[in-house]
Amino acid sequence: MARRGMIHVLFVIIFALTNTSDSLHQKPQAFLQPILKDITTNLYYSPLSIGANVHNINLAIDLDGSAPLLLTCAAAAKSSSYHPIKCGSSRCIQAKPDPLSCPTNTSKKTTCHKSFSTSFTEKPLKARLLRDTVSLLYTDNGFTYIGGGIDMTMTIACTDVNVDPLVKPFPSIVVGTLGLAKTHMALPSQVVSLYKLPMKVALCLPSPNSGESSGSGSLFIGGGPYFMALYPEDISKIFASTPLLPSDQSRGEYFIDVNYIQISGKIVPFSKKSTKICTLAPYTVLHSSIYKALVLAFAEKAKMTEVPAVKPFGSCFSSKGLGRWMMGSRVPVIELVLRGGSKWKIYGSNSLVKVSKDVVCLGFMDGGMNLPMDMIIGGYQMEDNFVEFDVEASKFSFTSSLLLINSSCSQSRHF
């Protein structure tokens, strides 16, 4: 399979190089941004350029963020081409600003304001609306980046995070967020409306422990096909799927139904609350009753020696003899059984976290008894899994671990 995969990759590279000059001014198949992971903060982020002079700024990937790009106002002001969006303008009206944010008893045109939901804050965050040029990379073949990117004028937002007492400052690795929620202002909605693309968002989050050291993960906006190194076919051919559930239109979060968890035949029941998917949760968070049942079931089925827990985790094991990927027979597979019967299988590479030379811990967190949902699926469990959110069809699709097909999310797509 590896040889077939390499032949396929070489074909795609040749195809891309021979067609680059003709494709630069055509409609892109999809927009394709790299995703990197900061191992200190566990943030997944993407570098992109804004305006004519602000290049490669890092924005955290916020799957549930309703703002297209949410920057600090200090970072936004560095662009020589940014313009505040004024109340009464067509862009302000289209954004549906906050009530009372645009006073009608004055002739002065104030800056348009709108509140956005983010995964960084518990409550919606009030932000100023701006207009600027955003440059996004794209693909015409589902594998390689084509050209130097496409510049498009977009509505973006900024906030004074350093002066708002309700907002924690962004980690230093990023200057804002890139929002992918199902809202009319989020980045996918603006991009697909400009280029008449399918309303599909796909993620392949990278793991620092797999793939090419010079590679990165992938964010696709606009649909497939999706090609990965060392796999000879469109990755969507091995998708399993489940419905996306409705969510608050102002927040646009992504929810699915998990019926129960199964570990080597042992069932961990759910209380029929929904499950959210969140890229800014480093690890999957469970309602306390489900977390405790999961830990007991995993420890019972695992053929590993338990050791004292290492914070922030609650269940740890000796890693001697597990191997690099932690996917052997000694590690039970955690199966999320979803509505419709599909199973999202979580193998050792996504369930166990290596915390020292000889110790691994179960990478799930106790969210307490007041967690308003059964589970929040976090980034670690999605690494090296290809997932797609088809908003138009209300469908969530996934692959389980790409390591099983000799691939990973860490790919070099520059040729």
Protein backbone atom coordinates (compact mmCIF):
# COMPACT_ATOMS: atom_id res chain seq x y z
CA MET A 1 0.00 0.00 0.00
CA ALA A 2 2.89 2.33 0.77
CA ARG A 3 4.24 1.96 -2.79
CA ARG A 4 0.81 2.64 -4.30
CA GLY A 5 0.50 5.64 -2.02
CA MET A 6 3.82 7.09 -3.15
CA ILE A 7 2.86 6.62 -6.81
CA HIS A 8 -0.38 8.46 -6.13
CA VAL A 9 1.43 11.31 -4.35
CA LEU A 10 3.91 11.68 -7.23
CA PHE A 11 1.00 11.82 -9.67
CA VAL A 12 -0.72 14.54 -7.65
CA ILE A 13 2.52 16.56 -7.43
CA ILE A 14 3.08 16.34 -11.19
CA PHE A 15 -0.56 17.23 -11.81
CA ALA A 16 -0.30 20.23 -9.51
CA LEU A 17 2.92 21.55 -11.01
CA THR A 18 1.74 21.21 -14.60
CA ASN A 19 -1.55 22.94 -13.90
CA THR A 20 -0.47 25.70 -11.54
CA SER A 21 -0.10 28.41 -14.18
CA ASP A 22 -3.56 27.76 -15.60
CA SER A 23 -5.32 27.49 -12.24
CA LEU A 24 -4.17 30.64 -10.48
CA HIS A 25 -7.17 32.68 -11.65
CA GLN A 26 -9.78 29.92 -11.65
CA LYS A 27 -12.33 29.15 -8.97
CA PRO A 28 -10.53 27.10 -6.26
CA GLN A 29 -11.70 23.60 -5.44
CA ALA A 30 -11.37 24.51 -1.76
CA PHE A 31 -9.41 26.76 0.55
CA LEU A 32 -6.67 24.93 2.42
CA GLN A 33 -4.86 26.34 5.45
CA PRO A 34 -2.07 24.66 7.46
CA ILE A 35 -2.70 23.80 11.11
CA LEU A 36 0.15 23.71 13.64
CA LYS A 37 0.15 22.69 17.31
CA ASP A 38 1.88 24.54 20.13
CA ILE A 39 2.90 21.82 22.60
CA THR A 40 3.16 24.29 25.51
CA THR A 41 -0.45 25.52 25.33
CA ASN A 42 -1.95 22.60 23.33
CA LEU A 43 -3.39 25.19 20.94
CA TYR A 44 -3.99 24.39 17.29
CA TYR A 45 -3.38 27.47 15.17
CA SER A 46 -3.01 28.62 11.59
CA PRO A 47 -0.71 31.36 10.23
CA LEU A 48 -2.21 33.76 7.69
CA SER A 49 -1.71 37.24 6.30
CA ILE A 50 -3.93 40.30 6.64
CA GLY A 51 -3.69 43.44 4.54
CA ALA A 52 -0.58 44.37 2.62
CA ASN A 53 1.90 44.32 5.48
CA VAL A 54 0.80 41.89 8.25
CA HIS A 55 2.18 38.47 7.38
CA ASN A 56 1.97 35.07 9.06
CA ILE A 57 0.12 36.04 12.21
CA ASN A 58 -1.00 33.04 14.27
CA LEU A 59 -4.71 32.54 14.94
CA ALA A 60 -6.10 29.78 17.16
CA ILE A 61 -8.48 27.38 15.39
CA ASP A 62 -11.81 27.92 17.16
CA LEU A 63 -14.34 25.45 15.76
CA ASP A 64 -17.09 27.08 17.83
CA GLY A 65 -16.02 30.69 17.23
CA SER A 66 -18.72 32.78 15.55
CA ALA A 67 -16.38 35.62 14.51
CA PRO A 68 -14.55 35.18 11.17
CA LEU A 69 -11.22 36.41 12.51
CA LEU A 70 -11.12 37.83 16.04
CA LEU A 71 -7.93 39.78 16.67
CA THR A 72 -6.67 42.04 19.38
CA CYS A 73 -7.33 45.59 18.19
CA ALA A 74 -3.60 46.28 18.56
CA ALA A 75 -2.82 43.49 16.07
CA ALA A 76 -5.58 44.59 13.67
CA ALA A 77 -4.31 48.19 13.69
CA LYS A 78 -0.90 47.08 12.39
CA SER A 79 -2.45 46.51 8.97
CA SER A 80 -2.10 49.55 6.71
CA SER A 81 -5.31 48.65 4.88
CA TYR A 82 -7.84 48.08 7.67
CA HIS A 83 -10.96 50.23 7.80
CA PRO A 84 -13.49 50.44 10.66
CA ILE A 85 -16.99 49.46 9.55
CA LYS A 86 -19.38 52.30 10.31
CA CYS A 87 -22.94 52.07 11.53
CA GLY A 88 -25.43 52.30 8.68
CA SER A 89 -23.06 50.79 6.10
CA SER A 90 -24.09 47.72 4.13
CA ARG A 91 -21.48 45.57 5.92
CA CYS A 92 -22.75 46.68 9.33
CA ILE A 93 -26.36 45.96 8.38
CA GLN A 94 -25.40 42.54 6.99
CA ALA A 95 -23.53 41.71 10.21
CA LYS A 96 -26.70 42.31 12.29
CA PRO A 97 -25.02 44.45 14.98
CA ASP A 98 -25.91 44.40 18.65
CA PRO A 99 -29.07 46.29 19.61
CA LEU A 100 -28.31 49.89 20.64
CA SER A 101 -24.73 49.65 19.33
CA CYS A 102 -25.58 52.07 16.55
CA PRO A 103 -27.37 55.12 18.01
CA THR A 104 -30.00 56.77 15.81
CA ASN A 105 -30.10 60.12 17.60
CA THR A 106 -26.80 61.37 16.21
CA SER A 107 -25.39 62.19 12.79
CA LYS A 108 -21.95 60.87 13.80
CA LYS A 109 -21.11 57.55 12.16
CA THR A 110 -19.82 55.38 14.99
CA THR A 111 -18.00 52.06 14.58
CA CYS A 112 -20.25 49.04 14.22
CA HIS A 113 -20.12 46.57 17.14
CA LYS A 114 -21.26 42.97 17.40
CA SER A 115 -21.00 40.31 20.10
CA PHE A 116 -19.44 36.97 19.14
CA SER A 117 -19.30 33.65 20.96
CA THR A 118 -15.85 32.12 21.41
CA SER A 119 -14.37 29.08 23.11
CA PHE A 120 -12.13 31.43 25.11
CA THR A 121 -15.02 33.10 26.91
CA GLU A 122 -18.14 31.91 28.71
CA LYS A 123 -20.25 34.80 27.43
CA PRO A 124 -20.38 36.46 23.99
CA LEU A 125 -17.61 38.99 23.49
CA LYS A 126 -18.35 42.50 22.20
CA ALA A 127 -16.07 43.41 19.30
CA ARG A 128 -15.54 46.16 16.73
CA LEU A 129 -16.12 45.28 13.09
CA LEU A 130 -13.42 46.02 10.53
CA ARG A 131 -12.90 45.57 6.81
CA ASP A 132 -9.56 44.30 5.52
CA THR A 133 -7.94 41.99 3.02
CA VAL A 134 -7.35 38.41 4.13
CA SER A 135 -5.09 36.06 2.16
CA LEU A 136 -6.03 32.36 2.17
CA LEU A 137 -4.19 29.47 0.59
CA TYR A 138 -6.17 27.16 -1.66
CA THR A 139 -6.02 23.90 -3.60
CA ASP A 140 -7.22 22.69 -6.98
CA ASN A 141 -6.41 19.03 -6.43
CA GLY A 142 -7.20 18.25 -2.78
CA PHE A 143 -3.55 17.77 -1.87
CA THR A 144 -1.17 20.67 -2.60
CA TYR A 145 -1.31 24.41 -2.05
CA ILE A 146 -1.65 26.30 -5.34
CA GLY A 147 0.06 29.66 -5.89
CA GLY A 148 0.58 32.23 -3.17
CA GLY A 149 -2.98 32.52 -1.91
CA ILE A 150 -6.11 34.45 -2.81
CA ASP A 151 -6.72 37.92 -1.37
CA MET A 152 -10.32 38.74 -0.47
CA THR A 153 -11.94 41.66 1.32
CA MET A 154 -13.70 40.39 4.41
CA THR A 155 -15.46 41.59 7.53
CA ILE A 156 -13.32 40.77 10.58
CA ALA A 157 -13.48 41.75 14.25
CA CYS A 158 -11.21 43.00 16.99
CA THR A 159 -11.46 43.31 20.76
CA ASP A 160 -9.48 45.06 23.46
CA VAL A 161 -8.71 41.88 25.41
CA ASN A 162 -6.22 43.64 27.65
CA VAL A 163 -8.78 46.10 29.01
CA ASP A 164 -11.95 43.97 29.11
CA PRO A 165 -12.13 42.39 32.60
CA LEU A 166 -14.30 39.52 31.30
CA VAL A 167 -11.70 38.35 28.80
CA LYS A 168 -8.55 36.42 29.45
CA PRO A 169 -5.67 37.54 27.21
CA PHE A 170 -4.89 35.22 24.31
CA PRO A 171 -1.89 32.93 24.88
CA SER A 172 1.24 34.59 23.53
CA ILE A 173 1.56 32.12 20.64
CA VAL A 174 -1.55 33.66 18.97
CA VAL A 175 -3.03 37.14 18.47
CA GLY A 176 -6.61 35.99 18.01
CA THR A 177 -8.88 33.26 16.71
CA LEU A 178 -10.09 31.92 13.39
CA GLY A 179 -13.80 31.13 13.79
CA LEU A 180 -15.39 28.14 12.05
CA ALA A 181 -18.87 28.09 13.62
CA LYS A 182 -22.14 27.67 11.68
CA THR A 183 -22.93 31.39 11.70
CA HIS A 184 -23.37 33.84 8.83
CA MET A 185 -20.34 35.87 9.92
CA ALA A 186 -17.83 33.05 10.57
CA LEU A 187 -14.98 32.48 8.11
CA PRO A 188 -16.54 29.49 6.23
CA SER A 189 -19.79 31.36 5.52
CA GLN A 190 -17.99 34.40 4.12
CA VAL A 191 -15.62 32.32 1.99
CA VAL A 192 -18.18 29.93 0.48
CA SER A 193 -20.58 32.77 -0.33
CA LEU A 194 -17.84 34.65 -2.20
CA TYR A 195 -16.79 31.62 -4.27
CA LYS A 196 -20.03 29.59 -4.38
CA LEU A 197 -18.46 26.56 -2.71
CA PRO A 198 -20.18 23.83 -0.67
CA MET A 199 -20.65 24.73 3.00
CA LYS A 200 -18.21 22.12 4.26
CA VAL A 201 -15.42 22.46 6.84
CA ALA A 202 -12.85 19.68 7.27
CA LEU A 203 -10.09 19.37 9.86
CA CYS A 204 -7.08 17.13 10.24
CA LEU A 205 -5.36 18.10 13.49
CA PRO A 206 -1.64 17.28 13.65
CA SER A 207 0.09 15.28 16.34
CA PRO A 208 3.68 16.21 17.28
CA ASN A 209 4.42 12.47 17.57
CA SER A 210 3.45 11.32 14.06
CA GLY A 211 3.88 12.18 10.41
CA GLU A 212 6.48 14.44 8.86
CA SER A 213 8.35 16.72 11.26
CA SER A 214 8.15 19.52 8.67
CA GLY A 215 4.48 18.86 7.95
CA SER A 216 1.31 20.43 9.27
CA GLY A 217 -2.33 19.58 9.73
CA SER A 218 -5.05 20.82 7.39
CA LEU A 219 -8.12 23.03 7.39
CA PHE A 220 -10.28 22.66 4.28
CA ILE A 221 -13.15 25.05 3.53
CA GLY A 222 -15.31 24.21 0.52
CA GLY A 223 -15.27 20.41 0.34
CA GLY A 224 -13.20 17.60 -1.14
CA PRO A 225 -11.73 15.53 -2.62
CA TYR A 226 -9.23 15.11 0.20
CA PHE A 227 -5.92 13.40 -0.50
CA MET A 228 -3.31 12.34 2.04
CA ALA A 229 0.25 11.14 1.53
CA LEU A 230 0.70 7.36 1.50
CA TYR A 231 -3.00 6.72 0.84
CA PRO A 232 -3.99 6.15 -2.81
CA GLU A 233 -7.60 7.36 -2.75
CA ASP A 234 -9.81 10.26 -1.70
CA ILE A 235 -9.96 9.93 2.08
CA SER A 236 -13.72 10.64 2.08
CA LYS A 237 -14.26 7.14 0.65
CA ILE A 238 -13.59 5.70 4.10
CA PHE A 239 -15.79 8.17 5.99
CA ALA A 240 -18.35 7.04 8.53
CA SER A 241 -21.10 9.55 9.33
CA THR A 242 -23.69 10.69 11.84
CA PRO A 243 -26.14 13.64 11.82
CA LEU A 244 -25.12 17.08 13.05
CA LEU A 245 -27.63 18.32 15.60
CA PRO A 246 -29.29 21.76 15.50
CA SER A 247 -27.63 24.44 17.65
CA ASP A 248 -28.24 28.03 18.74
CA GLN A 249 -28.02 30.06 15.51
CA SER A 250 -26.15 32.89 17.22
CA ARG A 251 -23.42 30.51 18.46
CA GLY A 252 -23.27 27.94 15.64
CA GLU A 253 -21.62 25.18 17.67
CA TYR A 254 -21.24 21.62 16.39
CA PHE A 255 -23.15 18.90 18.27
CA ILE A 256 -23.59 15.18 17.65
CA ASP A 257 -25.41 12.36 19.44
CA VAL A 258 -23.28 9.75 21.23
CA ASN A 259 -25.53 6.89 22.30
CA TYR A 260 -22.93 5.25 24.53
CA ILE A 261 -19.25 4.32 24.83
CA GLN A 262 -18.14 0.74 24.37
CA ILE A 263 -14.82 -0.68 25.59
CA SER A 264 -14.13 -4.31 24.66
CA GLY A 265 -17.82 -5.13 24.96
CA LYS A 266 -18.38 -3.17 28.18
CA ILE A 267 -20.92 -0.35 27.74
CA VAL A 268 -20.63 3.06 29.39
CA PRO A 269 -24.14 4.60 29.14
CA PHE A 270 -24.92 8.24 28.36
CA SER A 271 -27.80 10.33 29.72
CA LYS A 272 -29.01 11.36 26.23
CA LYS A 273 -27.59 14.87 26.43
CA SER A 274 -25.76 16.15 23.36
CA THR A 275 -22.00 16.00 22.69
CA LYS A 276 -20.08 19.07 21.51
CA ILE A 277 -16.92 19.05 19.39
CA CYS A 278 -14.37 21.72 20.39
CA THR A 279 -10.83 22.32 19.10
CA LEU A 280 -9.90 24.54 22.06
CA ALA A 281 -10.54 21.80 24.62
CA PRO A 282 -7.12 20.10 24.82
CA TYR A 283 -8.65 16.77 25.91
CA THR A 284 -12.15 15.30 25.86
CA VAL A 285 -14.21 16.38 28.87
CA LEU A 286 -16.91 14.11 30.30
CA HIS A 287 -19.76 14.58 32.74
CA SER A 288 -18.45 13.27 36.07
CA SER A 289 -20.72 10.20 36.16
CA ILE A 290 -19.63 9.14 32.67
CA TYR A 291 -15.96 9.90 33.35
CA LYS A 292 -15.88 7.66 36.41
CA ALA A 293 -17.58 4.82 34.52
CA LEU A 294 -15.13 5.22 31.61
CA VAL A 295 -12.08 5.09 33.91
CA LEU A 296 -13.35 1.93 35.62
CA ALA A 297 -14.17 0.20 32.32
CA PHE A 298 -10.84 1.12 30.71
CA ALA A 299 -8.80 0.02 33.74
CA GLU A 300 -10.72 -3.27 33.84
CA LYS A 301 -10.11 -4.06 30.16
CA ALA A 302 -6.56 -2.68 29.84
CA LYS A 303 -3.76 -5.19 30.14
CA MET A 304 -1.53 -2.61 31.78
CA THR A 305 -0.24 -1.94 35.27
CA GLU A 306 -1.90 1.00 37.04
CA VAL A 307 0.37 3.61 38.61
CA PRO A 308 -0.34 6.77 40.66
CA ALA A 309 -2.18 9.46 38.69
CA VAL A 310 -0.29 12.46 37.30
CA LYS A 311 -2.16 15.78 37.22
CA PRO A 312 -4.28 16.87 35.44
CA PHE A 313 -5.21 13.25 34.63
CA GLY A 314 -7.05 10.88 36.91
CA SER A 315 -5.96 7.45 35.64
CA CYS A 316 -2.40 6.43 34.66
CA PHE A 317 -0.53 3.26 33.67
CA SER A 318 2.95 1.91 33.11
CA SER A 319 3.90 2.32 29.45
CA LYS A 320 6.61 -0.36 29.37
CA GLY A 321 6.26 -2.48 26.26
CA LEU A 322 3.49 -0.41 24.65
CA GLY A 323 5.45 0.75 21.61
CA ARG A 324 5.51 4.15 19.94
CA TRP A 325 1.87 4.32 18.83
CA MET A 326 0.31 2.72 21.90
CA MET A 327 -2.06 0.80 19.60
CA GLY A 328 -1.31 -2.80 20.54
CA SER A 329 -3.64 -5.45 21.92
CA ARG A 330 -2.92 -4.36 25.49
CA VAL A 331 -4.71 -1.04 24.95
CA PRO A 332 -8.51 -1.37 24.69
CA VAL A 333 -10.22 0.56 21.90
CA ILE A 334 -12.71 3.18 23.08
CA GLU A 335 -15.66 3.19 20.69
CA LEU A 336 -18.07 6.12 20.55
CA VAL A 337 -21.31 4.59 19.27
CA LEU A 338 -23.15 7.40 17.47
CA ARG A 339 -26.67 8.01 16.29
CA GLY A 340 -27.28 5.83 13.25
CA GLY A 341 -24.92 3.12 14.50
CA SER A 342 -21.57 4.42 13.23
CA LYS A 343 -18.58 4.00 15.54
CA TRP A 344 -15.80 6.51 16.09
CA LYS A 345 -12.94 4.34 17.31
CA ILE A 346 -10.36 5.91 19.62
CA TYR A 347 -7.12 3.92 19.70
CA GLY A 348 -4.24 4.20 22.14
CA SER A 349 -2.54 7.00 20.19
CA ASN A 350 -5.60 9.17 20.92
CA SER A 351 -6.65 7.81 24.31
CA LEU A 352 -3.30 7.67 26.15
CA VAL A 353 -1.01 10.63 26.85
CA LYS A 354 2.66 10.03 27.53
CA VAL A 355 3.60 12.06 30.63
CA SER A 356 7.03 10.56 31.34
CA LYS A 357 9.36 7.87 30.07
CA ASP A 358 7.44 5.00 31.64
CA VAL A 359 4.00 6.49 32.38
CA VAL A 360 0.94 7.14 30.21
CA CYS A 361 -2.40 8.55 31.35
CA LEU A 362 -5.93 8.27 30.05
CA GLY A 363 -6.44 11.51 28.13
CA PHE A 364 -9.94 12.33 29.32
CA MET A 365 -10.97 14.93 31.88
CA ASP A 366 -13.63 14.99 34.61
CA GLY A 367 -15.93 17.92 33.81
CA GLY A 368 -17.86 17.70 37.07
CA MET A 369 -21.52 17.12 37.78
CA ASN A 370 -22.63 20.48 36.35
CA LEU A 371 -21.31 19.98 32.81
CA PRO A 372 -24.37 20.88 30.67
CA MET A 373 -23.67 18.10 28.16
CA ASP A 374 -22.50 14.50 28.32
CA MET A 375 -19.19 15.12 26.57
CA ILE A 376 -17.02 17.71 24.86
CA ILE A 377 -14.75 16.01 22.33
CA GLY A 378 -11.36 17.75 22.50
CA GLY A 379 -8.41 18.20 20.21
CA TYR A 380 -6.23 15.32 21.39
CA GLN A 381 -8.87 12.74 20.49
CA MET A 382 -9.14 14.27 16.99
CA GLU A 383 -5.42 14.28 16.17
CA ASP A 384 -4.62 12.17 13.10
CA ASN A 385 -8.36 11.73 12.51
CA PHE A 386 -9.85 13.39 9.43
CA VAL A 387 -13.25 14.98 10.21
CA GLU A 388 -15.71 16.86 8.01
CA PHE A 389 -18.66 19.09 8.96
CA ASP A 390 -21.17 19.22 6.10
CA VAL A 391 -23.40 22.08 7.22
CA GLU A 392 -25.78 21.93 4.24
CA ALA A 393 -26.46 18.21 4.73
CA SER A 394 -26.29 18.46 8.58
CA LYS A 395 -23.78 15.60 8.58
CA PHE A 396 -20.58 14.91 10.52
CA SER A 397 -18.11 12.49 8.90
CA PHE A 398 -14.89 10.99 10.27
CA THR A 399 -12.20 8.39 9.58
CA SER A 400 -10.90 7.24 12.99
CA SER A 401 -7.09 7.11 13.18
CA LEU A 402 -5.19 7.63 9.91
CA LEU A 403 -2.25 5.76 11.46
CA LEU A 404 -4.15 2.56 10.66
CA ILE A 405 -3.76 3.27 6.94
CA ASN A 406 -0.10 4.29 7.20
CA SER A 407 -0.88 8.00 7.01
CA SER A 408 -1.28 10.94 9.42
CA CYS A 409 -2.46 14.53 9.53
CA SER A 410 1.09 15.93 9.45
CA GLN A 411 1.65 16.45 5.72
CA SER A 412 3.96 18.54 3.57
CA ARG A 413 1.69 20.16 0.98
CA HIS A 414 4.14 22.69 -0.53
CA PHE A 415 5.60 21.51 -3.84
